[in-house]
Amino acid sequence: MITERISFRARYGKGDDLVALFKEQADGLFSNPLILAARLYTDFTGPMFSVIVESDFADMEAFTAFMKQDMAEYGTKDFQEWFGRMMAVTEVGERQLLNSEKLR
């Protein structure tokens, strides 16, 4: 299984705003049948105002197919408006692709 982990650091005091933006778009962003599961994390310890979004895919082929579909959305007016609001509350972001294997 492949997990895409996108980690964000919200601007000071804007973590709740960033979480709200992801929840607002949860049906659209994470409803693709190629996504097996999606999770939203916020900091309990560590760097403050951290927001992490994870999505699971069956394999790299599923992730690649998802990215092709997702990139087509980037140019839409709705996505551009949402992304502008996200950028206003975000300092920095990082994407990781992780291969996971069950140990038990």
C-alpha atoms as a PDB file:
ATOM      1  CA  MET A   1       0.000   0.000   0.000  1.00  0.00           C
ATOM      2  CA  ILE A   2       1.147   3.557  -0.730  1.00  0.00           C
ATOM      3  CA  THR A   3       0.433   6.393   1.701  1.00  0.00           C
ATOM      4  CA  GLU A   4       0.667   9.987   0.557  1.00  0.00           C
ATOM      5  CA  ARG A   5       1.420  12.199   3.561  1.00  0.00           C
ATOM      6  CA  ILE A   6       1.190  15.948   3.080  1.00  0.00           C
ATOM      7  CA  SER A   7       2.393  17.921   6.091  1.00  0.00           C
ATOM      8  CA  PHE A   8       1.589  21.599   6.522  1.00  0.00           C
ATOM      9  CA  ARG A   9       2.649  24.211   9.025  1.00  0.00           C
ATOM     10  CA  ALA A  10      -0.125  26.732   9.412  1.00  0.00           C
ATOM     11  CA  ARG A  11       0.631  30.375  10.080  1.00  0.00           C
ATOM     12  CA  TYR A  12       0.722  31.217  13.784  1.00  0.00           C
ATOM     13  CA  GLY A  13      -2.741  30.713  15.240  1.00  0.00           C
ATOM     14  CA  LYS A  14      -4.238  29.529  11.926  1.00  0.00           C
ATOM     15  CA  GLY A  15      -4.158  25.770  12.462  1.00  0.00           C
ATOM     16  CA  ASP A  16      -7.912  25.600  13.101  1.00  0.00           C
ATOM     17  CA  ASP A  17      -8.548  27.540   9.894  1.00  0.00           C
ATOM     18  CA  LEU A  18      -6.461  25.093   7.876  1.00  0.00           C
ATOM     19  CA  VAL A  19      -8.244  22.109   9.442  1.00  0.00           C
ATOM     20  CA  ALA A  20     -11.607  23.714   8.625  1.00  0.00           C
ATOM     21  CA  LEU A  21     -10.570  24.137   4.979  1.00  0.00           C
ATOM     22  CA  PHE A  22      -9.719  20.432   4.660  1.00  0.00           C
ATOM     23  CA  LYS A  23     -12.952  19.396   6.359  1.00  0.00           C
ATOM     24  CA  GLU A  24     -14.880  21.755   4.058  1.00  0.00           C
ATOM     25  CA  GLN A  25     -13.480  19.936   1.022  1.00  0.00           C
ATOM     26  CA  ALA A  26     -13.407  16.401   2.483  1.00  0.00           C
ATOM     27  CA  ASP A  27     -16.185  15.104   0.233  1.00  0.00           C
ATOM     28  CA  GLY A  28     -14.531  16.514  -2.876  1.00  0.00           C
ATOM     29  CA  LEU A  29     -10.863  16.002  -2.096  1.00  0.00           C
ATOM     30  CA  PHE A  30     -11.080  12.516  -0.631  1.00  0.00           C
ATOM     31  CA  SER A  31     -14.125  10.960  -2.298  1.00  0.00           C
ATOM     32  CA  ASN A  32     -12.180   9.514  -5.225  1.00  0.00           C
ATOM     33  CA  PRO A  33     -12.594   5.701  -5.255  1.00  0.00           C
ATOM     34  CA  LEU A  34      -8.835   5.326  -5.763  1.00  0.00           C
ATOM     35  CA  ILE A  35      -8.351   6.609  -2.193  1.00  0.00           C
ATOM     36  CA  LEU A  36      -8.742   3.658   0.174  1.00  0.00           C
ATOM     37  CA  ALA A  37      -8.676   5.775   3.341  1.00  0.00           C
ATOM     38  CA  ALA A  38      -7.933   9.366   4.339  1.00  0.00           C
ATOM     39  CA  ARG A  39      -6.905  10.835   7.681  1.00  0.00           C
ATOM     40  CA  LEU A  40      -6.361  14.301   9.127  1.00  0.00           C
ATOM     41  CA  TYR A  41      -3.883  14.829  11.972  1.00  0.00           C
ATOM     42  CA  THR A  42      -3.152  17.880  14.092  1.00  0.00           C
ATOM     43  CA  ASP A  43      -0.254  18.384  16.465  1.00  0.00           C
ATOM     44  CA  PHE A  44      -0.523  17.038  19.980  1.00  0.00           C
ATOM     45  CA  THR A  45       3.193  17.553  20.553  1.00  0.00           C
ATOM     46  CA  GLY A  46       5.973  18.785  18.303  1.00  0.00           C
ATOM     47  CA  PRO A  47       5.812  21.836  16.037  1.00  0.00           C
ATOM     48  CA  MET A  48       2.712  23.901  16.765  1.00  0.00           C
ATOM     49  CA  PHE A  49       0.035  24.441  14.120  1.00  0.00           C
ATOM     50  CA  SER A  50       0.980  21.266  12.220  1.00  0.00           C
ATOM     51  CA  VAL A  51      -1.729  19.773  10.025  1.00  0.00           C
ATOM     52  CA  ILE A  52      -1.094  16.462   8.262  1.00  0.00           C
ATOM     53  CA  VAL A  53      -3.299  14.831   5.645  1.00  0.00           C
ATOM     54  CA  GLU A  54      -2.781  11.195   4.663  1.00  0.00           C
ATOM     55  CA  SER A  55      -4.368   9.246   1.821  1.00  0.00           C
ATOM     56  CA  ASP A  56      -3.905   5.524   1.186  1.00  0.00           C
ATOM     57  CA  PHE A  57      -3.715   3.920  -2.266  1.00  0.00           C
ATOM     58  CA  ALA A  58      -3.515   0.269  -3.265  1.00  0.00           C
ATOM     59  CA  ASP A  59      -0.239   0.763  -5.174  1.00  0.00           C
ATOM     60  CA  MET A  60       1.779   3.263  -7.228  1.00  0.00           C
ATOM     61  CA  GLU A  61      -0.432   2.715 -10.261  1.00  0.00           C
ATOM     62  CA  ALA A  62      -3.500   3.798  -8.263  1.00  0.00           C
ATOM     63  CA  PHE A  63      -1.623   6.819  -6.905  1.00  0.00           C
ATOM     64  CA  THR A  64      -0.482   7.808 -10.412  1.00  0.00           C
ATOM     65  CA  ALA A  65      -4.021   7.485 -11.783  1.00  0.00           C
ATOM     66  CA  PHE A  66      -5.315   9.596  -8.894  1.00  0.00           C
ATOM     67  CA  MET A  67      -2.699  12.311  -9.489  1.00  0.00           C
ATOM     68  CA  LYS A  68      -3.679  12.563 -13.167  1.00  0.00           C
ATOM     69  CA  GLN A  69      -7.310  13.086 -12.175  1.00  0.00           C
ATOM     70  CA  ASP A  70      -6.387  15.445  -9.332  1.00  0.00           C
ATOM     71  CA  MET A  71      -4.174  17.640 -11.502  1.00  0.00           C
ATOM     72  CA  ALA A  72      -7.109  18.214 -13.849  1.00  0.00           C
ATOM     73  CA  GLU A  73      -8.944  19.828 -10.910  1.00  0.00           C
ATOM     74  CA  TYR A  74      -6.165  22.330 -10.169  1.00  0.00           C
ATOM     75  CA  GLY A  75      -7.261  24.696 -12.934  1.00  0.00           C
ATOM     76  CA  THR A  76     -10.912  24.864 -11.905  1.00  0.00           C
ATOM     77  CA  LYS A  77     -12.307  28.054 -10.431  1.00  0.00           C
ATOM     78  CA  ASP A  78     -13.529  26.256  -7.290  1.00  0.00           C
ATOM     79  CA  PHE A  79     -10.134  24.706  -6.585  1.00  0.00           C
ATOM     80  CA  GLN A  80      -8.292  27.969  -7.252  1.00  0.00           C
ATOM     81  CA  GLU A  81     -10.562  29.809  -4.791  1.00  0.00           C
ATOM     82  CA  TRP A  82     -10.121  27.107  -2.118  1.00  0.00           C
ATOM     83  CA  PHE A  83      -6.350  26.921  -2.702  1.00  0.00           C
ATOM     84  CA  GLY A  84      -6.038  30.703  -2.325  1.00  0.00           C
ATOM     85  CA  ARG A  85      -7.712  30.501   1.081  1.00  0.00           C
ATOM     86  CA  MET A  86      -5.451  27.588   2.026  1.00  0.00           C
ATOM     87  CA  MET A  87      -2.300  29.483   1.030  1.00  0.00           C
ATOM     88  CA  ALA A  88      -3.390  32.472   3.133  1.00  0.00           C
ATOM     89  CA  VAL A  89      -3.185  30.365   6.315  1.00  0.00           C
ATOM     90  CA  THR A  90      -0.217  28.106   5.420  1.00  0.00           C
ATOM     91  CA  GLU A  91       3.497  28.718   6.008  1.00  0.00           C
ATOM     92  CA  VAL A  92       5.004  25.650   4.354  1.00  0.00           C
ATOM     93  CA  GLY A  93       4.145  22.159   3.173  1.00  0.00           C
ATOM     94  CA  GLU A  94       5.875  18.891   2.351  1.00  0.00           C
ATOM     95  CA  ARG A  95       4.732  15.747   0.511  1.00  0.00           C
ATOM     96  CA  GLN A  96       5.952  12.227   1.228  1.00  0.00           C
ATOM     97  CA  LEU A  97       5.066   8.970  -0.494  1.00  0.00           C
ATOM     98  CA  LEU A  98       5.440   6.023   1.832  1.00  0.00           C
ATOM     99  CA  ASN A  99       5.339   2.313   1.125  1.00  0.00           C
ATOM    100  CA  SER A 100       3.700   0.478   4.012  1.00  0.00           C
ATOM    101  CA  GLU A 101       3.913  -3.158   4.987  1.00  0.00           C
ATOM    102  CA  LYS A 102       2.031  -4.849   7.797  1.00  0.00           C
ATOM    103  CA  LEU A 103       4.205  -6.293  10.527  1.00  0.00           C
ATOM    104  CA  ARG A 104       1.368  -8.175  12.213  1.00  0.00           C
END
